Amino acid sequence: MADLVKFLCLALFCSLILGGECEDCSSQKLHLVQSKTGKLVEDKPEWRVTITNTCTCCQLAIQLSCNGFQTVEDIDPSMLGPSGTVCYLNSGNIIAGHQRFSFTYAWDTPFPFKPIFSQVFCP
């Protein structure tokens, strides 16, 4: 029930901000950047992944390619939920237009995450 209320509130927020207009959005409008945090976890560098929704529309059900992803740091599955060769971002919840979403993991090298799917919500 709380998730439904959260979804409806975000939908209303997006509607007010956008005024019912929506540009062409897709998973290609999700900009992904990785950088070292400076922290070591089990002698492996920690990486911060920041995904920015660069369009004005809300996006949800975001999937990243993550085949072979490994980490020695626990990740909250609501932040990044692996399922086979894809990972679900933010439990599939909305990332509003021009908002950022971040998570961290620890491994020797950065993993080549790539946005492969999202649904656009344009009120």
PDB file of N, CA and C in Angstrom:
ATOM      1  N   MET A   1       0.822  -1.192   0.000  1.00  0.00           N
ATOM      2  CA  MET A   1       0.000   0.000   0.000  1.00  0.00           C
ATOM      3  C   MET A   1       0.867   1.257   0.000  1.00  0.00           C
ATOM      4  N   ALA A   2       1.941   1.221   0.811  1.00  0.00           N
ATOM      5  CA  ALA A   2       2.830   2.379   0.883  1.00  0.00           C
ATOM      6  C   ALA A   2       3.491   2.635  -0.471  1.00  0.00           C
ATOM      7  N   ASP A   3       3.833   1.556  -1.204  1.00  0.00           N
ATOM      8  CA  ASP A   3       4.442   1.714  -2.525  1.00  0.00           C
ATOM      9  C   ASP A   3       3.470   2.361  -3.499  1.00  0.00           C
ATOM     10  N   LEU A   4       2.199   1.987  -3.416  1.00  0.00           N
ATOM     11  CA  LEU A   4       1.190   2.575  -4.284  1.00  0.00           C
ATOM     12  C   LEU A   4       1.034   4.064  -3.996  1.00  0.00           C
ATOM     13  N   VAL A   5       0.983   4.427  -2.739  1.00  0.00           N
ATOM     14  CA  VAL A   5       0.867   5.839  -2.356  1.00  0.00           C
ATOM     15  C   VAL A   5       2.092   6.611  -2.840  1.00  0.00           C
ATOM     16  N   LYS A   6       3.275   6.023  -2.656  1.00  0.00           N
ATOM     17  CA  LYS A   6       4.513   6.652  -3.110  1.00  0.00           C
ATOM     18  C   LYS A   6       4.484   6.859  -4.622  1.00  0.00           C
ATOM     19  N   PHE A   7       4.044   5.828  -5.361  1.00  0.00           N
ATOM     20  CA  PHE A   7       3.949   5.926  -6.813  1.00  0.00           C
ATOM     21  C   PHE A   7       2.988   7.036  -7.228  1.00  0.00           C
ATOM     22  N   LEU A   8       1.827   7.086  -6.607  1.00  0.00           N
ATOM     23  CA  LEU A   8       0.833   8.104  -6.965  1.00  0.00           C
ATOM     24  C   LEU A   8       1.324   9.509  -6.648  1.00  0.00           C
ATOM     25  N   CYS A   9       2.019   9.666  -5.525  1.00  0.00           N
ATOM     26  CA  CYS A   9       2.579  10.973  -5.174  1.00  0.00           C
ATOM     27  C   CYS A   9       3.627  11.408  -6.188  1.00  0.00           C
ATOM     28  N   LEU A  10       4.491  10.474  -6.589  1.00  0.00           N
ATOM     29  CA  LEU A  10       5.500  10.802  -7.592  1.00  0.00           C
ATOM     30  C   LEU A  10       4.856  11.113  -8.938  1.00  0.00           C
ATOM     31  N   ALA A  11       3.820  10.375  -9.282  1.00  0.00           N
ATOM     32  CA  ALA A  11       3.116  10.631 -10.536  1.00  0.00           C
ATOM     33  C   ALA A  11       2.498  12.031 -10.528  1.00  0.00           C
ATOM     34  N   LEU A  12       1.908  12.406  -9.410  1.00  0.00           N
ATOM     35  CA  LEU A  12       1.324  13.740  -9.285  1.00  0.00           C
ATOM     36  C   LEU A  12       2.421  14.799  -9.379  1.00  0.00           C
ATOM     37  N   PHE A  13       3.536  14.549  -8.701  1.00  0.00           N
ATOM     38  CA  PHE A  13       4.667  15.477  -8.752  1.00  0.00           C
ATOM     39  C   PHE A  13       5.136  15.668 -10.194  1.00  0.00           C
ATOM     40  N   CYS A  14       5.315  14.577 -10.908  1.00  0.00           N
ATOM     41  CA  CYS A  14       5.749  14.656 -12.303  1.00  0.00           C
ATOM     42  C   CYS A  14       4.731  15.417 -13.146  1.00  0.00           C
ATOM     43  N   SER A  15       3.475  15.166 -12.900  1.00  0.00           N
ATOM     44  CA  SER A  15       2.417  15.832 -13.643  1.00  0.00           C
ATOM     45  C   SER A  15       2.458  17.347 -13.430  1.00  0.00           C
ATOM     46  N   LEU A  16       2.652  17.765 -12.193  1.00  0.00           N
ATOM     47  CA  LEU A  16       2.710  19.191 -11.899  1.00  0.00           C
ATOM     48  C   LEU A  16       3.931  19.843 -12.519  1.00  0.00           C
ATOM     49  N   ILE A  17       5.062  19.174 -12.447  1.00  0.00           N
ATOM     50  CA  ILE A  17       6.295  19.725 -12.992  1.00  0.00           C
ATOM     51  C   ILE A  17       6.241  19.801 -14.513  1.00  0.00           C
ATOM     52  N   LEU A  18       5.739  18.768 -15.150  1.00  0.00           N
ATOM     53  CA  LEU A  18       5.770  18.677 -16.602  1.00  0.00           C
ATOM     54  C   LEU A  18       4.601  19.363 -17.283  1.00  0.00           C
ATOM     55  N   GLY A  19       3.545  19.572 -16.562  1.00  0.00           N
ATOM     56  CA  GLY A  19       2.378  20.188 -17.173  1.00  0.00           C
ATOM     57  C   GLY A  19       1.778  19.349 -18.278  1.00  0.00           C
ATOM     58  N   GLY A  20       1.961  18.026 -18.221  1.00  0.00           N
ATOM     59  CA  GLY A  20       1.374  17.137 -19.202  1.00  0.00           C
ATOM     60  C   GLY A  20       2.174  16.990 -20.478  1.00  0.00           C
ATOM     61  N   GLU A  21       3.318  17.669 -20.578  1.00  0.00           N
ATOM     62  CA  GLU A  21       4.133  17.559 -21.780  1.00  0.00           C
ATOM     63  C   GLU A  21       5.275  16.585 -21.542  1.00  0.00           C
ATOM     64  N   CYS A  22       5.645  15.889 -22.588  1.00  0.00           N
ATOM     65  CA  CYS A  22       6.716  14.912 -22.448  1.00  0.00           C
ATOM     66  C   CYS A  22       7.531  14.882 -23.724  1.00  0.00           C
ATOM     67  N   GLU A  23       8.835  14.872 -23.542  1.00  0.00           N
ATOM     68  CA  GLU A  23       9.719  14.733 -24.704  1.00  0.00           C
ATOM     69  C   GLU A  23       9.971  13.255 -24.965  1.00  0.00           C
ATOM     70  N   ASP A  24      10.627  12.968 -26.054  1.00  0.00           N
ATOM     71  CA  ASP A  24      10.963  11.594 -26.403  1.00  0.00           C
ATOM     72  C   ASP A  24      11.995  11.061 -25.412  1.00  0.00           C
ATOM     73  N   CYS A  25      11.584  10.143 -24.563  1.00  0.00           N
ATOM     74  CA  CYS A  25      12.470   9.578 -23.546  1.00  0.00           C
ATOM     75  C   CYS A  25      12.609   8.075 -23.765  1.00  0.00           C
ATOM     76  N   SER A  26      13.733   7.551 -23.350  1.00  0.00           N
ATOM     77  CA  SER A  26      13.982   6.113 -23.414  1.00  0.00           C
ATOM     78  C   SER A  26      15.131   5.815 -22.469  1.00  0.00           C
ATOM     79  N   SER A  27      15.520   4.545 -22.405  1.00  0.00           N
ATOM     80  CA  SER A  27      16.647   4.186 -21.551  1.00  0.00           C
ATOM     81  C   SER A  27      17.931   4.880 -22.016  1.00  0.00           C
ATOM     82  N   GLN A  28      17.975   5.352 -23.272  1.00  0.00           N
ATOM     83  CA  GLN A  28      19.149   6.086 -23.741  1.00  0.00           C
ATOM     84  C   GLN A  28      19.256   7.469 -23.118  1.00  0.00           C
ATOM     85  N   LYS A  29      18.199   7.925 -22.473  1.00  0.00           N
ATOM     86  CA  LYS A  29      18.215   9.212 -21.774  1.00  0.00           C
ATOM     87  C   LYS A  29      18.687   9.061 -20.328  1.00  0.00           C
ATOM     88  N   LEU A  30      19.117   7.852 -19.974  1.00  0.00           N
ATOM     89  CA  LEU A  30      19.677   7.611 -18.649  1.00  0.00           C
ATOM     90  C   LEU A  30      21.193   7.679 -18.766  1.00  0.00           C
ATOM     91  N   HIS A  31      21.776   8.650 -18.097  1.00  0.00           N
ATOM     92  CA  HIS A  31      23.224   8.863 -18.162  1.00  0.00           C
ATOM     93  C   HIS A  31      23.868   8.201 -16.950  1.00  0.00           C
ATOM     94  N   LEU A  32      24.818   7.308 -17.183  1.00  0.00           N
ATOM     95  CA  LEU A  32      25.448   6.528 -16.113  1.00  0.00           C
ATOM     96  C   LEU A  32      26.918   6.911 -15.985  1.00  0.00           C
ATOM     97  N   VAL A  33      27.328   7.229 -14.757  1.00  0.00           N
ATOM     98  CA  VAL A  33      28.714   7.591 -14.464  1.00  0.00           C
ATOM     99  C   VAL A  33      29.184   6.770 -13.274  1.00  0.00           C
ATOM    100  N   GLN A  34      30.425   6.296 -13.328  1.00  0.00           N
ATOM    101  CA  GLN A  34      31.016   5.574 -12.205  1.00  0.00           C
ATOM    102  C   GLN A  34      32.286   6.281 -11.764  1.00  0.00           C
ATOM    103  N   SER A  35      32.503   6.296 -10.449  1.00  0.00           N
ATOM    104  CA  SER A  35      33.726   6.886  -9.921  1.00  0.00           C
ATOM    105  C   SER A  35      34.093   6.185  -8.624  1.00  0.00           C
ATOM    106  N   LYS A  36      35.391   6.180  -8.320  1.00  0.00           N
ATOM    107  CA  LYS A  36      35.859   5.592  -7.068  1.00  0.00           C
ATOM    108  C   LYS A  36      35.451   6.499  -5.914  1.00  0.00           C
ATOM    109  N   THR A  37      35.047   5.869  -4.797  1.00  0.00           N
ATOM    110  CA  THR A  37      34.682   6.651  -3.610  1.00  0.00           C
ATOM    111  C   THR A  37      35.890   6.928  -2.726  1.00  0.00           C
ATOM    112  N   GLY A  38      36.971   6.179  -2.920  1.00  0.00           N
ATOM    113  CA  GLY A  38      38.146   6.305  -2.065  1.00  0.00           C
ATOM    114  C   GLY A  38      38.160   5.301  -0.932  1.00  0.00           C
ATOM    115  N   LYS A  39      37.080   4.558  -0.775  1.00  0.00           N
ATOM    116  CA  LYS A  39      36.965   3.554   0.274  1.00  0.00           C
ATOM    117  C   LYS A  39      37.397   2.188  -0.269  1.00  0.00           C
ATOM    118  N   LEU A  40      38.001   1.357   0.593  1.00  0.00           N
ATOM    119  CA  LEU A  40      38.326  -0.019   0.236  1.00  0.00           C
ATOM    120  C   LEU A  40      37.422  -0.962   1.025  1.00  0.00           C
ATOM    121  N   VAL A  41      36.913  -1.972   0.356  1.00  0.00           N
ATOM    122  CA  VAL A  41      36.095  -3.010   0.980  1.00  0.00           C
ATOM    123  C   VAL A  41      36.765  -4.337   0.644  1.00  0.00           C
ATOM    124  N   GLU A  42      37.226  -5.036   1.665  1.00  0.00           N
ATOM    125  CA  GLU A  42      37.972  -6.290   1.455  1.00  0.00           C
ATOM    126  C   GLU A  42      39.083  -6.105   0.419  1.00  0.00           C
ATOM    127  N   ASP A  43      39.831  -5.014   0.565  1.00  0.00           N
ATOM    128  CA  ASP A  43      40.962  -4.662  -0.302  1.00  0.00           C
ATOM    129  C   ASP A  43      40.577  -4.396  -1.755  1.00  0.00           C
ATOM    130  N   LYS A  44      39.315  -4.124  -1.998  1.00  0.00           N
ATOM    131  CA  LYS A  44      38.864  -3.779  -3.352  1.00  0.00           C
ATOM    132  C   LYS A  44      38.297  -2.367  -3.317  1.00  0.00           C
ATOM    133  N   PRO A  45      38.541  -1.571  -4.359  1.00  0.00           N
ATOM    134  CA  PRO A  45      38.010  -0.203  -4.371  1.00  0.00           C
ATOM    135  C   PRO A  45      36.475  -0.201  -4.458  1.00  0.00           C
ATOM    136  N   GLU A  46      35.897   0.752  -3.765  1.00  0.00           N
ATOM    137  CA  GLU A  46      34.440   0.930  -3.837  1.00  0.00           C
ATOM    138  C   GLU A  46      34.141   1.898  -4.983  1.00  0.00           C
ATOM    139  N   TRP A  47      33.123   1.569  -5.751  1.00  0.00           N
ATOM    140  CA  TRP A  47      32.683   2.366  -6.893  1.00  0.00           C
ATOM    141  C   TRP A  47      31.284   2.922  -6.632  1.00  0.00           C
ATOM    142  N   ARG A  48      31.081   4.180  -6.951  1.00  0.00           N
ATOM    143  CA  ARG A  48      29.740   4.788  -6.885  1.00  0.00           C
ATOM    144  C   ARG A  48      29.217   4.901  -8.312  1.00  0.00           C
ATOM    145  N   VAL A  49      28.026   4.343  -8.513  1.00  0.00           N
ATOM    146  CA  VAL A  49      27.346   4.432  -9.800  1.00  0.00           C
ATOM    147  C   VAL A  49      26.224   5.455  -9.636  1.00  0.00           C
ATOM    148  N   THR A  50      26.220   6.447 -10.504  1.00  0.00           N
ATOM    149  CA  THR A  50      25.170   7.464 -10.482  1.00  0.00           C
ATOM    150  C   THR A  50      24.472   7.461 -11.829  1.00  0.00           C
ATOM    151  N   ILE A  51      23.167   7.252 -11.780  1.00  0.00           N
ATOM    152  CA  ILE A  51      22.345   7.256 -12.982  1.00  0.00           C
ATOM    153  C   ILE A  51      21.487   8.513 -12.931  1.00  0.00           C
ATOM    154  N   THR A  52      21.557   9.311 -13.984  1.00  0.00           N
ATOM    155  CA  THR A  52      20.771  10.541 -14.070  1.00  0.00           C
ATOM    156  C   THR A  52      19.752  10.396 -15.187  1.00  0.00           C
ATOM    157  N   ASN A  53      18.491  10.661 -14.855  1.00  0.00           N
ATOM    158  CA  ASN A  53      17.439  10.696 -15.858  1.00  0.00           C
ATOM    159  C   ASN A  53      17.517  12.066 -16.517  1.00  0.00           C
ATOM    160  N   THR A  54      18.047  12.140 -17.748  1.00  0.00           N
ATOM    161  CA  THR A  54      18.307  13.427 -18.394  1.00  0.00           C
ATOM    162  C   THR A  54      17.109  14.010 -19.137  1.00  0.00           C
ATOM    163  N   CYS A  55      15.977  13.325 -19.113  1.00  0.00           N
ATOM    164  CA  CYS A  55      14.803  13.916 -19.766  1.00  0.00           C
ATOM    165  C   CYS A  55      13.835  14.448 -18.704  1.00  0.00           C
ATOM    166  N   THR A  56      12.808  15.112 -19.136  1.00  0.00           N
ATOM    167  CA  THR A  56      11.864  15.712 -18.196  1.00  0.00           C
ATOM    168  C   THR A  56      10.832  14.719 -17.689  1.00  0.00           C
ATOM    169  N   CYS A  57      10.654  13.631 -18.407  1.00  0.00           N
ATOM    170  CA  CYS A  57       9.668  12.630 -18.005  1.00  0.00           C
ATOM    171  C   CYS A  57      10.222  11.712 -16.923  1.00  0.00           C
ATOM    172  N   CYS A  58       9.328  11.144 -16.164  1.00  0.00           N
ATOM    173  CA  CYS A  58       9.700  10.135 -15.188  1.00  0.00           C
ATOM    174  C   CYS A  58       9.978   8.825 -15.918  1.00  0.00           C
ATOM    175  N   GLN A  59      10.911   8.039 -15.388  1.00  0.00           N
ATOM    176  CA  GLN A  59      11.183   6.713 -15.941  1.00  0.00           C
ATOM    177  C   GLN A  59      11.096   5.701 -14.810  1.00  0.00           C
ATOM    178  N   LEU A  60      10.572   4.518 -15.134  1.00  0.00           N
ATOM    179  CA  LEU A  60      10.443   3.469 -14.144  1.00  0.00           C
ATOM    180  C   LEU A  60      10.746   2.124 -14.784  1.00  0.00           C
ATOM    181  N   ALA A  61      10.769   1.083 -13.969  1.00  0.00           N
ATOM    182  CA  ALA A  61      11.100  -0.278 -14.433  1.00  0.00           C
ATOM    183  C   ALA A  61      12.448  -0.289 -15.146  1.00  0.00           C
ATOM    184  N   ILE A  62      13.393   0.490 -14.638  1.00  0.00           N
ATOM    185  CA  ILE A  62      14.700   0.626 -15.282  1.00  0.00           C
ATOM    186  C   ILE A  62      15.518  -0.644 -15.083  1.00  0.00           C
ATOM    187  N   GLN A  63      16.063  -1.133 -16.194  1.00  0.00           N
ATOM    188  CA  GLN A  63      16.923  -2.316 -16.176  1.00  0.00           C
ATOM    189  C   GLN A  63      18.307  -1.955 -16.704  1.00  0.00           C
ATOM    190  N   LEU A  64      19.320  -2.509 -16.034  1.00  0.00           N
ATOM    191  CA  LEU A  64      20.703  -2.363 -16.481  1.00  0.00           C
ATOM    192  C   LEU A  64      21.221  -3.729 -16.892  1.00  0.00           C
ATOM    193  N   SER A  65      22.077  -3.772 -17.904  1.00  0.00           N
ATOM    194  CA  SER A  65      22.743  -5.031 -18.216  1.00  0.00           C
ATOM    195  C   SER A  65      23.756  -5.275 -17.105  1.00  0.00           C
ATOM    196  N   CYS A  66      23.781  -6.503 -16.589  1.00  0.00           N
ATOM    197  CA  CYS A  66      24.718  -6.785 -15.486  1.00  0.00           C
ATOM    198  C   CYS A  66      25.172  -8.241 -15.490  1.00  0.00           C
ATOM    199  N   ASN A  67      25.262  -8.841 -16.670  1.00  0.00           N
ATOM    200  CA  ASN A  67      25.703 -10.224 -16.787  1.00  0.00           C
ATOM    201  C   ASN A  67      27.142 -10.343 -16.288  1.00  0.00           C
ATOM    202  N   GLY A  68      27.373 -11.159 -15.266  1.00  0.00           N
ATOM    203  CA  GLY A  68      28.699 -11.350 -14.707  1.00  0.00           C
ATOM    204  C   GLY A  68      29.079 -10.371 -13.622  1.00  0.00           C
ATOM    205  N   PHE A  69      28.148  -9.523 -13.193  1.00  0.00           N
ATOM    206  CA  PHE A  69      28.428  -8.534 -12.151  1.00  0.00           C
ATOM    207  C   PHE A  69      28.831  -9.225 -10.852  1.00  0.00           C
ATOM    208  N   GLN A  70      29.892  -8.697 -10.214  1.00  0.00           N
ATOM    209  CA  GLN A  70      30.365  -9.213  -8.934  1.00  0.00           C
ATOM    210  C   GLN A  70      30.681  -8.045  -8.008  1.00  0.00           C
ATOM    211  N   THR A  71      30.508  -8.290  -6.714  1.00  0.00           N
ATOM    212  CA  THR A  71      30.859  -7.303  -5.697  1.00  0.00           C
ATOM    213  C   THR A  71      31.136  -8.024  -4.390  1.00  0.00           C
ATOM    214  N   VAL A  72      32.036  -7.461  -3.597  1.00  0.00           N
ATOM    215  CA  VAL A  72      32.286  -8.002  -2.257  1.00  0.00           C
ATOM    216  C   VAL A  72      31.525  -7.199  -1.213  1.00  0.00           C
ATOM    217  N   GLU A  73      30.812  -6.183  -1.645  1.00  0.00           N
ATOM    218  CA  GLU A  73      30.031  -5.315  -0.760  1.00  0.00           C
ATOM    219  C   GLU A  73      28.547  -5.625  -0.935  1.00  0.00           C
ATOM    220  N   ASP A  74      27.843  -5.772   0.164  1.00  0.00           N
ATOM    221  CA  ASP A  74      26.400  -5.999   0.080  1.00  0.00           C
ATOM    222  C   ASP A  74      25.708  -4.788  -0.532  1.00  0.00           C
ATOM    223  N   ILE A  75      24.771  -5.071  -1.434  1.00  0.00           N
ATOM    224  CA  ILE A  75      23.954  -4.013  -2.038  1.00  0.00           C
ATOM    225  C   ILE A  75      22.508  -4.299  -1.680  1.00  0.00           C
ATOM    226  N   ASP A  76      21.826  -3.304  -1.187  1.00  0.00           N
ATOM    227  CA  ASP A  76      20.405  -3.425  -0.887  1.00  0.00           C
ATOM    228  C   ASP A  76      19.685  -3.788  -2.188  1.00  0.00           C
ATOM    229  N   PRO A  77      18.973  -4.930  -2.236  1.00  0.00           N
ATOM    230  CA  PRO A  77      18.314  -5.333  -3.481  1.00  0.00           C
ATOM    231  C   PRO A  77      17.244  -4.342  -3.960  1.00  0.00           C
ATOM    232  N   SER A  78      16.796  -3.446  -3.097  1.00  0.00           N
ATOM    233  CA  SER A  78      15.861  -2.417  -3.555  1.00  0.00           C
ATOM    234  C   SER A  78      16.601  -1.331  -4.349  1.00  0.00           C
ATOM    235  N   MET A  79      17.910  -1.246  -4.168  1.00  0.00           N
ATOM    236  CA  MET A  79      18.716  -0.285  -4.929  1.00  0.00           C
ATOM    237  C   MET A  79      19.112  -0.881  -6.286  1.00  0.00           C
ATOM    238  N   LEU A  80      19.622  -2.131  -6.239  1.00  0.00           N
ATOM    239  CA  LEU A  80      20.043  -2.842  -7.445  1.00  0.00           C
ATOM    240  C   LEU A  80      19.709  -4.304  -7.245  1.00  0.00           C
ATOM    241  N   GLY A  81      18.712  -4.794  -7.971  1.00  0.00           N
ATOM    242  CA  GLY A  81      18.247  -6.161  -7.814  1.00  0.00           C
ATOM    243  C   GLY A  81      18.600  -7.028  -9.005  1.00  0.00           C
ATOM    244  N   PRO A  82      19.661  -7.843  -8.882  1.00  0.00           N
ATOM    245  CA  PRO A  82      20.028  -8.731  -9.988  1.00  0.00           C
ATOM    246  C   PRO A  82      18.976  -9.804 -10.243  1.00  0.00           C
ATOM    247  N   SER A  83      18.735 -10.091 -11.515  1.00  0.00           N
ATOM    248  CA  SER A  83      17.824 -11.152 -11.924  1.00  0.00           C
ATOM    249  C   SER A  83      18.313 -11.682 -13.266  1.00  0.00           C
ATOM    250  N   GLY A  84      19.098 -12.744 -13.211  1.00  0.00           N
ATOM    251  CA  GLY A  84      19.680 -13.279 -14.443  1.00  0.00           C
ATOM    252  C   GLY A  84      20.739 -12.344 -14.980  1.00  0.00           C
ATOM    253  N   THR A  85      20.586 -11.928 -16.227  1.00  0.00           N
ATOM    254  CA  THR A  85      21.583 -11.060 -16.867  1.00  0.00           C
ATOM    255  C   THR A  85      21.235  -9.576 -16.759  1.00  0.00           C
ATOM    256  N   VAL A  86      20.116  -9.255 -16.076  1.00  0.00           N
ATOM    257  CA  VAL A  86      19.732  -7.851 -15.898  1.00  0.00           C
ATOM    258  C   VAL A  86      19.654  -7.526 -14.413  1.00  0.00           C
ATOM    259  N   CYS A  87      19.758  -6.238 -14.119  1.00  0.00           N
ATOM    260  CA  CYS A  87      19.583  -5.746 -12.756  1.00  0.00           C
ATOM    261  C   CYS A  87      18.490  -4.683 -12.783  1.00  0.00           C
ATOM    262  N   TYR A  88      17.585  -4.781 -11.828  1.00  0.00           N
ATOM    263  CA  TYR A  88      16.503  -3.806 -11.714  1.00  0.00           C
ATOM    264  C   TYR A  88      16.948  -2.691 -10.780  1.00  0.00           C
ATOM    265  N   LEU A  89      16.807  -1.473 -11.232  1.00  0.00           N
ATOM    266  CA  LEU A  89      17.234  -0.302 -10.490  1.00  0.00           C
ATOM    267  C   LEU A  89      16.086   0.248  -9.654  1.00  0.00           C
ATOM    268  N   ASN A  90      16.358   0.568  -8.396  1.00  0.00           N
ATOM    269  CA  ASN A  90      15.387   1.249  -7.535  1.00  0.00           C
ATOM    270  C   ASN A  90      14.079   0.458  -7.411  1.00  0.00           C
ATOM    271  N   SER A  91      14.163  -0.863  -7.375  1.00  0.00           N
ATOM    272  CA  SER A  91      12.985  -1.746  -7.282  1.00  0.00           C
ATOM    273  C   SER A  91      11.955  -1.467  -8.368  1.00  0.00           C
ATOM    274  N   GLY A  92      12.381  -0.905  -9.476  1.00  0.00           N
ATOM    275  CA  GLY A  92      11.467  -0.589 -10.571  1.00  0.00           C
ATOM    276  C   GLY A  92      10.684   0.690 -10.360  1.00  0.00           C
ATOM    277  N   ASN A  93      10.935   1.389  -9.252  1.00  0.00           N
ATOM    278  CA  ASN A  93      10.209   2.622  -8.946  1.00  0.00           C
ATOM    279  C   ASN A  93      10.665   3.783  -9.828  1.00  0.00           C
ATOM    280  N   ILE A  94       9.909   4.831  -9.787  1.00  0.00           N
ATOM    281  CA  ILE A  94      10.141   6.016 -10.614  1.00  0.00           C
ATOM    282  C   ILE A  94      11.430   6.735 -10.234  1.00  0.00           C
ATOM    283  N   ILE A  95      12.126   7.172 -11.279  1.00  0.00           N
ATOM    284  CA  ILE A  95      13.167   8.181 -11.127  1.00  0.00           C
ATOM    285  C   ILE A  95      12.655   9.374 -11.935  1.00  0.00           C
ATOM    286  N   ALA A  96      12.358  10.443 -11.233  1.00  0.00           N
ATOM    287  CA  ALA A  96      11.752  11.622 -11.859  1.00  0.00           C
ATOM    288  C   ALA A  96      12.720  12.268 -12.846  1.00  0.00           C
ATOM    289  N   GLY A  97      12.165  13.113 -13.696  1.00  0.00           N
ATOM    290  CA  GLY A  97      12.980  13.829 -14.664  1.00  0.00           C
ATOM    291  C   GLY A  97      14.075  14.638 -14.001  1.00  0.00           C
ATOM    292  N   HIS A  98      15.263  14.561 -14.552  1.00  0.00           N
ATOM    293  CA  HIS A  98      16.450  15.285 -14.099  1.00  0.00           C
ATOM    294  C   HIS A  98      16.876  14.924 -12.676  1.00  0.00           C
ATOM    295  N   GLN A  99      16.457  13.770 -12.191  1.00  0.00           N
ATOM    296  CA  GLN A  99      16.886  13.308 -10.873  1.00  0.00           C
ATOM    297  C   GLN A  99      17.966  12.256 -11.013  1.00  0.00           C
ATOM    298  N   ARG A 100      18.728  12.096  -9.915  1.00  0.00           N
ATOM    299  CA  ARG A 100      19.815  11.123  -9.868  1.00  0.00           C
ATOM    300  C   ARG A 100      19.487  10.006  -8.901  1.00  0.00           C
ATOM    301  N   PHE A 101      20.093   8.862  -9.180  1.00  0.00           N
ATOM    302  CA  PHE A 101      19.972   7.700  -8.308  1.00  0.00           C
ATOM    303  C   PHE A 101      21.349   7.061  -8.228  1.00  0.00           C
ATOM    304  N   SER A 102      21.790   6.714  -7.013  1.00  0.00           N
ATOM    305  CA  SER A 102      23.141   6.169  -6.841  1.00  0.00           C
ATOM    306  C   SER A 102      23.148   4.912  -5.987  1.00  0.00           C
ATOM    307  N   PHE A 103      24.141   4.075  -6.232  1.00  0.00           N
ATOM    308  CA  PHE A 103      24.436   2.927  -5.377  1.00  0.00           C
ATOM    309  C   PHE A 103      25.933   2.691  -5.447  1.00  0.00           C
ATOM    310  N   THR A 104      26.445   1.909  -4.494  1.00  0.00           N
ATOM    311  CA  THR A 104      27.872   1.597  -4.477  1.00  0.00           C
ATOM    312  C   THR A 104      28.079   0.090  -4.473  1.00  0.00           C
ATOM    313  N   TYR A 105      29.244  -0.308  -4.972  1.00  0.00           N
ATOM    314  CA  TYR A 105      29.667  -1.704  -4.944  1.00  0.00           C
ATOM    315  C   TYR A 105      31.188  -1.712  -4.874  1.00  0.00           C
ATOM    316  N   ALA A 106      31.775  -2.842  -4.561  1.00  0.00           N
ATOM    317  CA  ALA A 106      33.236  -2.934  -4.476  1.00  0.00           C
ATOM    318  C   ALA A 106      33.737  -4.104  -5.308  1.00  0.00           C
ATOM    319  N   TRP A 107      34.660  -3.782  -6.219  1.00  0.00           N
ATOM    320  CA  TRP A 107      35.299  -4.801  -7.049  1.00  0.00           C
ATOM    321  C   TRP A 107      36.585  -4.203  -7.606  1.00  0.00           C
ATOM    322  N   ASP A 108      37.436  -5.038  -8.190  1.00  0.00           N
ATOM    323  CA  ASP A 108      38.743  -4.570  -8.671  1.00  0.00           C
ATOM    324  C   ASP A 108      38.625  -3.488  -9.742  1.00  0.00           C
ATOM    325  N   THR A 109      37.691  -3.675 -10.656  1.00  0.00           N
ATOM    326  CA  THR A 109      37.516  -2.744 -11.775  1.00  0.00           C
ATOM    327  C   THR A 109      36.044  -2.343 -11.870  1.00  0.00           C
ATOM    328  N   PRO A 110      35.760  -1.223 -12.523  1.00  0.00           N
ATOM    329  CA  PRO A 110      34.356  -0.841 -12.678  1.00  0.00           C
ATOM    330  C   PRO A 110      33.640  -1.815 -13.604  1.00  0.00           C
ATOM    331  N   PHE A 111      32.384  -2.120 -13.277  1.00  0.00           N
ATOM    332  CA  PHE A 111      31.595  -3.012 -14.113  1.00  0.00           C
ATOM    333  C   PHE A 111      30.924  -2.190 -15.218  1.00  0.00           C
ATOM    334  N   PRO A 112      30.871  -2.695 -16.458  1.00  0.00           N
ATOM    335  CA  PRO A 112      30.293  -1.920 -17.564  1.00  0.00           C
ATOM    336  C   PRO A 112      28.753  -1.976 -17.593  1.00  0.00           C
ATOM    337  N   PHE A 113      28.115  -1.409 -16.560  1.00  0.00           N
ATOM    338  CA  PHE A 113      26.649  -1.331 -16.560  1.00  0.00           C
ATOM    339  C   PHE A 113      26.187  -0.517 -17.756  1.00  0.00           C
ATOM    340  N   LYS A 114      25.035  -0.903 -18.294  1.00  0.00           N
ATOM    341  CA  LYS A 114      24.443  -0.150 -19.403  1.00  0.00           C
ATOM    342  C   LYS A 114      22.929  -0.198 -19.264  1.00  0.00           C
ATOM    343  N   PRO A 115      22.261   0.973 -19.307  1.00  0.00           N
ATOM    344  CA  PRO A 115      20.794   0.962 -19.298  1.00  0.00           C
ATOM    345  C   PRO A 115      20.280   0.279 -20.561  1.00  0.00           C
ATOM    346  N   ILE A 116      19.376  -0.705 -20.376  1.00  0.00           N
ATOM    347  CA  ILE A 116      18.860  -1.434 -21.538  1.00  0.00           C
ATOM    348  C   ILE A 116      17.344  -1.335 -21.681  1.00  0.00           C
ATOM    349  N   PHE A 117      16.659  -0.877 -20.620  1.00  0.00           N
ATOM    350  CA  PHE A 117      15.200  -0.789 -20.709  1.00  0.00           C
ATOM    351  C   PHE A 117      14.679   0.179 -19.658  1.00  0.00           C
ATOM    352  N   SER A 118      13.634   0.891 -20.012  1.00  0.00           N
ATOM    353  CA  SER A 118      12.876   1.678 -19.039  1.00  0.00           C
ATOM    354  C   SER A 118      11.493   1.947 -19.624  1.00  0.00           C
ATOM    355  N   GLN A 119      10.569   2.211 -18.738  1.00  0.00           N
ATOM    356  CA  GLN A 119       9.238   2.652 -19.153  1.00  0.00           C
ATOM    357  C   GLN A 119       9.134   4.122 -18.829  1.00  0.00           C
ATOM    358  N   VAL A 120       8.550   4.865 -19.734  1.00  0.00           N
ATOM    359  CA  VAL A 120       8.409   6.308 -19.557  1.00  0.00           C
ATOM    360  C   VAL A 120       7.019   6.595 -19.016  1.00  0.00           C
ATOM    361  N   PHE A 121       6.966   7.450 -18.029  1.00  0.00           N
ATOM    362  CA  PHE A 121       5.687   7.862 -17.455  1.00  0.00           C
ATOM    363  C   PHE A 121       5.522   9.349 -17.717  1.00  0.00           C
ATOM    364  N   CYS A 122       4.613   9.671 -18.607  1.00  0.00           N
ATOM    365  CA  CYS A 122       4.332  11.066 -18.962  1.00  0.00           C
ATOM    366  C   CYS A 122       2.868  11.360 -18.654  1.00  0.00           C
ATOM    367  N   PRO A 123       2.633  12.049 -17.561  1.00  0.00           N
ATOM    368  CA  PRO A 123       1.226  12.355 -17.193  1.00  0.00           C
ATOM    369  C   PRO A 123       0.560  13.278 -18.195  1.00  0.00           C
TER     370      PRO A 123
END
